[in-house]
Amino acid sequence: MEDMFYKCSSFKELDLSNFNTNNVTNMKSMFSECRSLKDLNIFNFITNNFKQMEYMFRGCSRNFQNEIKFHYPNIKEEAFNGF
């Protein structure tokens, strides 16, 4: 799922709560540079197998990053590197 939504500037909201991430290991830069993204539902993401999360939210607004950290505390800090 690396770079799946990279630089998707047209998305303001995404509901990915139905994504099955049980076997996913790489989420690197998945939402990187999505500067317009304000609402993201990843409620059912299972992050136990994630090995790479670097830059997952790099380039997203600081407010958006703080919301993600608050609602999804299991996401590793490396996902926010490079703001």
PDB file of N, CA and C in Angstrom:
ATOM      1  N   MET A   1       0.824  -1.193   0.000  1.00  0.00           N
ATOM      2  CA  MET A   1       0.000   0.000   0.000  1.00  0.00           C
ATOM      3  C   MET A   1       0.872   1.262   0.000  1.00  0.00           C
ATOM      4  N   GLU A   2       2.171   1.045  -0.204  1.00  0.00           N
ATOM      5  CA  GLU A   2       3.089   2.182  -0.260  1.00  0.00           C
ATOM      6  C   GLU A   2       2.667   3.154  -1.357  1.00  0.00           C
ATOM      7  N   ASP A   3       2.654   4.446  -1.013  1.00  0.00           N
ATOM      8  CA  ASP A   3       2.345   5.538  -1.949  1.00  0.00           C
ATOM      9  C   ASP A   3       0.935   5.473  -2.550  1.00  0.00           C
ATOM     10  N   MET A   4       0.049   4.725  -1.980  1.00  0.00           N
ATOM     11  CA  MET A   4      -1.284   4.512  -2.571  1.00  0.00           C
ATOM     12  C   MET A   4      -2.030   5.816  -2.855  1.00  0.00           C
ATOM     13  N   PHE A   5      -1.995   6.765  -1.927  1.00  0.00           N
ATOM     14  CA  PHE A   5      -2.680   8.042  -2.110  1.00  0.00           C
ATOM     15  C   PHE A   5      -1.687   9.209  -2.152  1.00  0.00           C
ATOM     16  N   TYR A   6      -0.450   8.925  -2.424  1.00  0.00           N
ATOM     17  CA  TYR A   6       0.612   9.933  -2.449  1.00  0.00           C
ATOM     18  C   TYR A   6       0.239  11.100  -3.363  1.00  0.00           C
ATOM     19  N   LYS A   7       0.303  12.294  -2.797  1.00  0.00           N
ATOM     20  CA  LYS A   7       0.008  13.549  -3.500  1.00  0.00           C
ATOM     21  C   LYS A   7      -1.403  13.618  -4.080  1.00  0.00           C
ATOM     22  N   CYS A   8      -2.340  12.970  -3.482  1.00  0.00           N
ATOM     23  CA  CYS A   8      -3.741  13.056  -3.931  1.00  0.00           C
ATOM     24  C   CYS A   8      -4.353  14.318  -3.339  1.00  0.00           C
ATOM     25  N   SER A   9      -4.070  15.413  -3.955  1.00  0.00           N
ATOM     26  CA  SER A   9      -4.476  16.708  -3.409  1.00  0.00           C
ATOM     27  C   SER A   9      -5.973  16.964  -3.514  1.00  0.00           C
ATOM     28  N   SER A  10      -6.693  16.195  -4.291  1.00  0.00           N
ATOM     29  CA  SER A  10      -8.127  16.434  -4.453  1.00  0.00           C
ATOM     30  C   SER A  10      -8.969  15.841  -3.320  1.00  0.00           C
ATOM     31  N   PHE A  11      -8.410  14.909  -2.564  1.00  0.00           N
ATOM     32  CA  PHE A  11      -9.179  14.294  -1.477  1.00  0.00           C
ATOM     33  C   PHE A  11      -9.221  15.190  -0.252  1.00  0.00           C
ATOM     34  N   LYS A  12     -10.433  15.462   0.210  1.00  0.00           N
ATOM     35  CA  LYS A  12     -10.612  16.182   1.467  1.00  0.00           C
ATOM     36  C   LYS A  12     -10.976  15.214   2.588  1.00  0.00           C
ATOM     37  N   GLU A  13     -11.620  14.114   2.211  1.00  0.00           N
ATOM     38  CA  GLU A  13     -11.983  13.086   3.186  1.00  0.00           C
ATOM     39  C   GLU A  13     -11.911  11.710   2.528  1.00  0.00           C
ATOM     40  N   LEU A  14     -11.549  10.733   3.343  1.00  0.00           N
ATOM     41  CA  LEU A  14     -11.482   9.349   2.880  1.00  0.00           C
ATOM     42  C   LEU A  14     -12.017   8.437   3.971  1.00  0.00           C
ATOM     43  N   ASP A  15     -12.841   7.501   3.585  1.00  0.00           N
ATOM     44  CA  ASP A  15     -13.323   6.479   4.520  1.00  0.00           C
ATOM     45  C   ASP A  15     -12.740   5.142   4.078  1.00  0.00           C
ATOM     46  N   LEU A  16     -11.729   4.714   4.799  1.00  0.00           N
ATOM     47  CA  LEU A  16     -11.053   3.456   4.491  1.00  0.00           C
ATOM     48  C   LEU A  16     -11.295   2.431   5.590  1.00  0.00           C
ATOM     49  N   SER A  17     -12.378   2.615   6.313  1.00  0.00           N
ATOM     50  CA  SER A  17     -12.667   1.736   7.448  1.00  0.00           C
ATOM     51  C   SER A  17     -12.939   0.296   7.028  1.00  0.00           C
ATOM     52  N   ASN A  18     -13.229   0.070   5.754  1.00  0.00           N
ATOM     53  CA  ASN A  18     -13.484  -1.294   5.276  1.00  0.00           C
ATOM     54  C   ASN A  18     -12.266  -1.951   4.649  1.00  0.00           C
ATOM     55  N   PHE A  19     -11.145  -1.246   4.631  1.00  0.00           N
ATOM     56  CA  PHE A  19      -9.918  -1.848   4.112  1.00  0.00           C
ATOM     57  C   PHE A  19      -9.474  -2.967   5.039  1.00  0.00           C
ATOM     58  N   ASN A  20      -9.115  -4.106   4.460  1.00  0.00           N
ATOM     59  CA  ASN A  20      -8.576  -5.206   5.245  1.00  0.00           C
ATOM     60  C   ASN A  20      -7.055  -5.090   5.225  1.00  0.00           C
ATOM     61  N   THR A  21      -6.469  -4.757   6.359  1.00  0.00           N
ATOM     62  CA  THR A  21      -5.024  -4.555   6.443  1.00  0.00           C
ATOM     63  C   THR A  21      -4.340  -5.645   7.265  1.00  0.00           C
ATOM     64  N   ASN A  22      -4.992  -6.759   7.439  1.00  0.00           N
ATOM     65  CA  ASN A  22      -4.425  -7.850   8.241  1.00  0.00           C
ATOM     66  C   ASN A  22      -3.049  -8.303   7.765  1.00  0.00           C
ATOM     67  N   ASN A  23      -2.839  -8.360   6.472  1.00  0.00           N
ATOM     68  CA  ASN A  23      -1.582  -8.872   5.926  1.00  0.00           C
ATOM     69  C   ASN A  23      -0.676  -7.790   5.358  1.00  0.00           C
ATOM     70  N   VAL A  24      -1.042  -6.548   5.559  1.00  0.00           N
ATOM     71  CA  VAL A  24      -0.254  -5.439   5.020  1.00  0.00           C
ATOM     72  C   VAL A  24       0.972  -5.208   5.898  1.00  0.00           C
ATOM     73  N   THR A  25       2.119  -5.045   5.262  1.00  0.00           N
ATOM     74  CA  THR A  25       3.347  -4.762   6.006  1.00  0.00           C
ATOM     75  C   THR A  25       3.923  -3.390   5.666  1.00  0.00           C
ATOM     76  N   ASN A  26       3.569  -2.823   4.514  1.00  0.00           N
ATOM     77  CA  ASN A  26       4.165  -1.570   4.075  1.00  0.00           C
ATOM     78  C   ASN A  26       3.107  -0.497   3.822  1.00  0.00           C
ATOM     79  N   MET A  27       3.141   0.522   4.659  1.00  0.00           N
ATOM     80  CA  MET A  27       2.236   1.671   4.511  1.00  0.00           C
ATOM     81  C   MET A  27       3.035   2.954   4.270  1.00  0.00           C
ATOM     82  N   LYS A  28       4.276   2.793   3.877  1.00  0.00           N
ATOM     83  CA  LYS A  28       5.165   3.933   3.711  1.00  0.00           C
ATOM     84  C   LYS A  28       4.577   4.954   2.741  1.00  0.00           C
ATOM     85  N   SER A  29       4.542   6.198   3.162  1.00  0.00           N
ATOM     86  CA  SER A  29       4.092   7.344   2.352  1.00  0.00           C
ATOM     87  C   SER A  29       2.674   7.200   1.805  1.00  0.00           C
ATOM     88  N   MET A  30       1.855   6.418   2.436  1.00  0.00           N
ATOM     89  CA  MET A  30       0.512   6.140   1.918  1.00  0.00           C
ATOM     90  C   MET A  30      -0.310   7.412   1.703  1.00  0.00           C
ATOM     91  N   PHE A  31      -0.251   8.348   2.652  1.00  0.00           N
ATOM     92  CA  PHE A  31      -1.008   9.599   2.550  1.00  0.00           C
ATOM     93  C   PHE A  31      -0.082  10.810   2.457  1.00  0.00           C
ATOM     94  N   SER A  32       1.175  10.578   2.189  1.00  0.00           N
ATOM     95  CA  SER A  32       2.166  11.639   2.145  1.00  0.00           C
ATOM     96  C   SER A  32       1.795  12.704   1.113  1.00  0.00           C
ATOM     97  N   GLU A  33       1.940  13.957   1.529  1.00  0.00           N
ATOM     98  CA  GLU A  33       1.667  15.127   0.683  1.00  0.00           C
ATOM     99  C   GLU A  33       0.197  15.285   0.303  1.00  0.00           C
ATOM    100  N   CYS A  34      -0.699  14.678   1.039  1.00  0.00           N
ATOM    101  CA  CYS A  34      -2.145  14.877   0.823  1.00  0.00           C
ATOM    102  C   CYS A  34      -2.565  16.107   1.625  1.00  0.00           C
ATOM    103  N   ARG A  35      -2.216  17.254   1.125  1.00  0.00           N
ATOM    104  CA  ARG A  35      -2.358  18.506   1.876  1.00  0.00           C
ATOM    105  C   ARG A  35      -3.810  18.928   2.113  1.00  0.00           C
ATOM    106  N   SER A  36      -4.738  18.492   1.295  1.00  0.00           N
ATOM    107  CA  SER A  36      -6.147  18.867   1.456  1.00  0.00           C
ATOM    108  C   SER A  36      -6.915  17.918   2.363  1.00  0.00           C
ATOM    109  N   LEU A  37      -6.319  16.785   2.703  1.00  0.00           N
ATOM    110  CA  LEU A  37      -7.006  15.773   3.500  1.00  0.00           C
ATOM    111  C   LEU A  37      -7.260  16.271   4.916  1.00  0.00           C
ATOM    112  N   LYS A  38      -8.523  16.292   5.301  1.00  0.00           N
ATOM    113  CA  LYS A  38      -8.924  16.794   6.626  1.00  0.00           C
ATOM    114  C   LYS A  38      -9.634  15.737   7.456  1.00  0.00           C
ATOM    115  N   ASP A  39     -10.213  14.748   6.810  1.00  0.00           N
ATOM    116  CA  ASP A  39     -10.989  13.724   7.515  1.00  0.00           C
ATOM    117  C   ASP A  39     -10.636  12.355   6.954  1.00  0.00           C
ATOM    118  N   LEU A  40     -10.099  11.496   7.818  1.00  0.00           N
ATOM    119  CA  LEU A  40      -9.667  10.177   7.395  1.00  0.00           C
ATOM    120  C   LEU A  40     -10.175   9.140   8.382  1.00  0.00           C
ATOM    121  N   ASN A  41     -10.941   8.188   7.890  1.00  0.00           N
ATOM    122  CA  ASN A  41     -11.435   7.116   8.751  1.00  0.00           C
ATOM    123  C   ASN A  41     -10.636   5.854   8.440  1.00  0.00           C
ATOM    124  N   ILE A  42      -9.740   5.511   9.367  1.00  0.00           N
ATOM    125  CA  ILE A  42      -8.975   4.269   9.265  1.00  0.00           C
ATOM    126  C   ILE A  42      -9.220   3.445  10.525  1.00  0.00           C
ATOM    127  N   PHE A  43     -10.436   3.528  10.991  1.00  0.00           N
ATOM    128  CA  PHE A  43     -10.822   2.943  12.271  1.00  0.00           C
ATOM    129  C   PHE A  43     -10.477   1.464  12.389  1.00  0.00           C
ATOM    130  N   ASN A  44     -10.660   0.694  11.337  1.00  0.00           N
ATOM    131  CA  ASN A  44     -10.440  -0.753  11.423  1.00  0.00           C
ATOM    132  C   ASN A  44      -9.064  -1.201  10.940  1.00  0.00           C
ATOM    133  N   PHE A  45      -8.165  -0.254  10.719  1.00  0.00           N
ATOM    134  CA  PHE A  45      -6.820  -0.652  10.310  1.00  0.00           C
ATOM    135  C   PHE A  45      -6.174  -1.473  11.412  1.00  0.00           C
ATOM    136  N   ILE A  46      -5.664  -2.630  11.051  1.00  0.00           N
ATOM    137  CA  ILE A  46      -4.919  -3.461  11.990  1.00  0.00           C
ATOM    138  C   ILE A  46      -3.448  -3.244  11.676  1.00  0.00           C
ATOM    139  N   THR A  47      -2.740  -2.613  12.605  1.00  0.00           N
ATOM    140  CA  THR A  47      -1.366  -2.192  12.350  1.00  0.00           C
ATOM    141  C   THR A  47      -0.316  -3.145  12.903  1.00  0.00           C
ATOM    142  N   ASN A  48      -0.719  -4.272  13.441  1.00  0.00           N
ATOM    143  CA  ASN A  48       0.231  -5.205  14.063  1.00  0.00           C
ATOM    144  C   ASN A  48       1.314  -5.685  13.109  1.00  0.00           C
ATOM    145  N   ASN A  49       0.997  -5.863  11.847  1.00  0.00           N
ATOM    146  CA  ASN A  49       1.965  -6.394  10.886  1.00  0.00           C
ATOM    147  C   ASN A  49       2.717  -5.318  10.115  1.00  0.00           C
ATOM    148  N   PHE A  50       2.378  -4.053  10.349  1.00  0.00           N
ATOM    149  CA  PHE A  50       3.048  -2.971   9.631  1.00  0.00           C
ATOM    150  C   PHE A  50       4.522  -2.955  10.010  1.00  0.00           C
ATOM    151  N   LYS A  51       5.370  -3.069   9.024  1.00  0.00           N
ATOM    152  CA  LYS A  51       6.814  -2.997   9.257  1.00  0.00           C
ATOM    153  C   LYS A  51       7.345  -1.633   8.822  1.00  0.00           C
ATOM    154  N   GLN A  52       6.701  -1.048   7.824  1.00  0.00           N
ATOM    155  CA  GLN A  52       7.120   0.257   7.342  1.00  0.00           C
ATOM    156  C   GLN A  52       5.936   1.226   7.383  1.00  0.00           C
ATOM    157  N   MET A  53       6.115   2.271   8.186  1.00  0.00           N
ATOM    158  CA  MET A  53       5.100   3.318   8.283  1.00  0.00           C
ATOM    159  C   MET A  53       5.725   4.692   8.070  1.00  0.00           C
ATOM    160  N   GLU A  54       7.000   4.716   7.684  1.00  0.00           N
ATOM    161  CA  GLU A  54       7.683   5.988   7.541  1.00  0.00           C
ATOM    162  C   GLU A  54       6.928   6.909   6.587  1.00  0.00           C
ATOM    163  N   TYR A  55       6.852   8.160   6.979  1.00  0.00           N
ATOM    164  CA  TYR A  55       6.290   9.226   6.136  1.00  0.00           C
ATOM    165  C   TYR A  55       4.839   9.006   5.738  1.00  0.00           C
ATOM    166  N   MET A  56       4.141   8.166   6.436  1.00  0.00           N
ATOM    167  CA  MET A  56       2.751   7.849   6.083  1.00  0.00           C
ATOM    168  C   MET A  56       1.890   9.113   5.964  1.00  0.00           C
ATOM    169  N   PHE A  57       2.135  10.083   6.852  1.00  0.00           N
ATOM    170  CA  PHE A  57       1.354  11.327   6.848  1.00  0.00           C
ATOM    171  C   PHE A  57       2.234  12.561   6.611  1.00  0.00           C
ATOM    172  N   ARG A  58       3.413  12.383   6.052  1.00  0.00           N
ATOM    173  CA  ARG A  58       4.318  13.505   5.805  1.00  0.00           C
ATOM    174  C   ARG A  58       3.671  14.495   4.841  1.00  0.00           C
ATOM    175  N   GLY A  59       3.782  15.757   5.180  1.00  0.00           N
ATOM    176  CA  GLY A  59       3.233  16.794   4.316  1.00  0.00           C
ATOM    177  C   GLY A  59       1.771  17.109   4.563  1.00  0.00           C
ATOM    178  N   CYS A  60       1.135  16.348   5.426  1.00  0.00           N
ATOM    179  CA  CYS A  60      -0.247  16.659   5.820  1.00  0.00           C
ATOM    180  C   CYS A  60      -0.192  17.769   6.871  1.00  0.00           C
ATOM    181  N   SER A  61      -1.268  18.491   7.035  1.00  0.00           N
ATOM    182  CA  SER A  61      -1.261  19.614   7.972  1.00  0.00           C
ATOM    183  C   SER A  61      -0.995  19.138   9.400  1.00  0.00           C
ATOM    184  N   ARG A  62      -0.397  20.012  10.196  1.00  0.00           N
ATOM    185  CA  ARG A  62      -0.091  19.682  11.587  1.00  0.00           C
ATOM    186  C   ARG A  62      -1.374  19.365  12.359  1.00  0.00           C
ATOM    187  N   ASN A  63      -2.451  20.119  12.114  1.00  0.00           N
ATOM    188  CA  ASN A  63      -3.726  19.838  12.788  1.00  0.00           C
ATOM    189  C   ASN A  63      -4.244  18.452  12.432  1.00  0.00           C
ATOM    190  N   PHE A  64      -4.130  18.092  11.158  1.00  0.00           N
ATOM    191  CA  PHE A  64      -4.569  16.776  10.719  1.00  0.00           C
ATOM    192  C   PHE A  64      -3.723  15.690  11.385  1.00  0.00           C
ATOM    193  N   GLN A  65      -2.422  15.881  11.432  1.00  0.00           N
ATOM    194  CA  GLN A  65      -1.537  14.917  12.074  1.00  0.00           C
ATOM    195  C   GLN A  65      -1.885  14.750  13.552  1.00  0.00           C
ATOM    196  N   ASN A  66      -2.175  15.853  14.220  1.00  0.00           N
ATOM    197  CA  ASN A  66      -2.555  15.781  15.637  1.00  0.00           C
ATOM    198  C   ASN A  66      -3.858  15.015  15.836  1.00  0.00           C
ATOM    199  N   GLU A  67      -4.805  15.199  14.925  1.00  0.00           N
ATOM    200  CA  GLU A  67      -6.066  14.445  14.991  1.00  0.00           C
ATOM    201  C   GLU A  67      -5.803  12.948  14.842  1.00  0.00           C
ATOM    202  N   ILE A  68      -4.954  12.599  13.895  1.00  0.00           N
ATOM    203  CA  ILE A  68      -4.619  11.188  13.679  1.00  0.00           C
ATOM    204  C   ILE A  68      -3.963  10.610  14.934  1.00  0.00           C
ATOM    205  N   LYS A  69      -3.010  11.334  15.502  1.00  0.00           N
ATOM    206  CA  LYS A  69      -2.325  10.862  16.716  1.00  0.00           C
ATOM    207  C   LYS A  69      -3.312  10.652  17.857  1.00  0.00           C
ATOM    208  N   PHE A  70      -4.277  11.537  17.973  1.00  0.00           N
ATOM    209  CA  PHE A  70      -5.260  11.453  19.048  1.00  0.00           C
ATOM    210  C   PHE A  70      -6.195  10.249  18.860  1.00  0.00           C
ATOM    211  N   HIS A  71      -6.717  10.090  17.672  1.00  0.00           N
ATOM    212  CA  HIS A  71      -7.719   9.049  17.418  1.00  0.00           C
ATOM    213  C   HIS A  71      -7.116   7.664  17.177  1.00  0.00           C
ATOM    214  N   TYR A  72      -5.857   7.638  16.747  1.00  0.00           N
ATOM    215  CA  TYR A  72      -5.216   6.356  16.416  1.00  0.00           C
ATOM    216  C   TYR A  72      -3.844   6.271  17.096  1.00  0.00           C
ATOM    217  N   PRO A  73      -3.829   6.140  18.410  1.00  0.00           N
ATOM    218  CA  PRO A  73      -2.558   6.164  19.147  1.00  0.00           C
ATOM    219  C   PRO A  73      -1.632   4.994  18.832  1.00  0.00           C
ATOM    220  N   ASN A  74      -2.116   3.950  18.176  1.00  0.00           N
ATOM    221  CA  ASN A  74      -1.279   2.796  17.847  1.00  0.00           C
ATOM    222  C   ASN A  74      -0.406   3.031  16.614  1.00  0.00           C
ATOM    223  N   ILE A  75      -0.606   4.144  15.911  1.00  0.00           N
ATOM    224  CA  ILE A  75       0.225   4.456  14.757  1.00  0.00           C
ATOM    225  C   ILE A  75       1.556   5.011  15.257  1.00  0.00           C
ATOM    226  N   LYS A  76       2.632   4.444  14.769  1.00  0.00           N
ATOM    227  CA  LYS A  76       3.971   4.783  15.232  1.00  0.00           C
ATOM    228  C   LYS A  76       4.356   6.208  14.855  1.00  0.00           C
ATOM    229  N   GLU A  77       5.220   6.791  15.685  1.00  0.00           N
ATOM    230  CA  GLU A  77       5.679   8.161  15.473  1.00  0.00           C
ATOM    231  C   GLU A  77       6.375   8.348  14.115  1.00  0.00           C
ATOM    232  N   GLU A  78       7.024   7.315  13.621  1.00  0.00           N
ATOM    233  CA  GLU A  78       7.728   7.421  12.344  1.00  0.00           C
ATOM    234  C   GLU A  78       6.784   7.764  11.178  1.00  0.00           C
ATOM    235  N   ALA A  79       5.493   7.523  11.364  1.00  0.00           N
ATOM    236  CA  ALA A  79       4.513   7.836  10.322  1.00  0.00           C
ATOM    237  C   ALA A  79       4.368   9.334  10.115  1.00  0.00           C
ATOM    238  N   PHE A  80       4.824  10.131  11.087  1.00  0.00           N
ATOM    239  CA  PHE A  80       4.662  11.587  11.012  1.00  0.00           C
ATOM    240  C   PHE A  80       5.978  12.302  10.709  1.00  0.00           C
ATOM    241  N   ASN A  81       7.053  11.580  10.513  1.00  0.00           N
ATOM    242  CA  ASN A  81       8.364  12.173  10.239  1.00  0.00           C
ATOM    243  C   ASN A  81       8.339  12.974   8.953  1.00  0.00           C
ATOM    244  N   GLY A  82       9.127  14.031   8.958  1.00  0.00           N
ATOM    245  CA  GLY A  82       9.303  14.805   7.742  1.00  0.00           C
ATOM    246  C   GLY A  82       8.253  15.861   7.512  1.00  0.00           C
ATOM    247  N   PHE A  83       7.511  16.284   8.569  1.00  0.00           N
ATOM    248  CA  PHE A  83       6.479  17.303   8.401  1.00  0.00           C
ATOM    249  C   PHE A  83       7.087  18.579   7.899  1.00  0.00           C
TER     250      PHE A  83
END
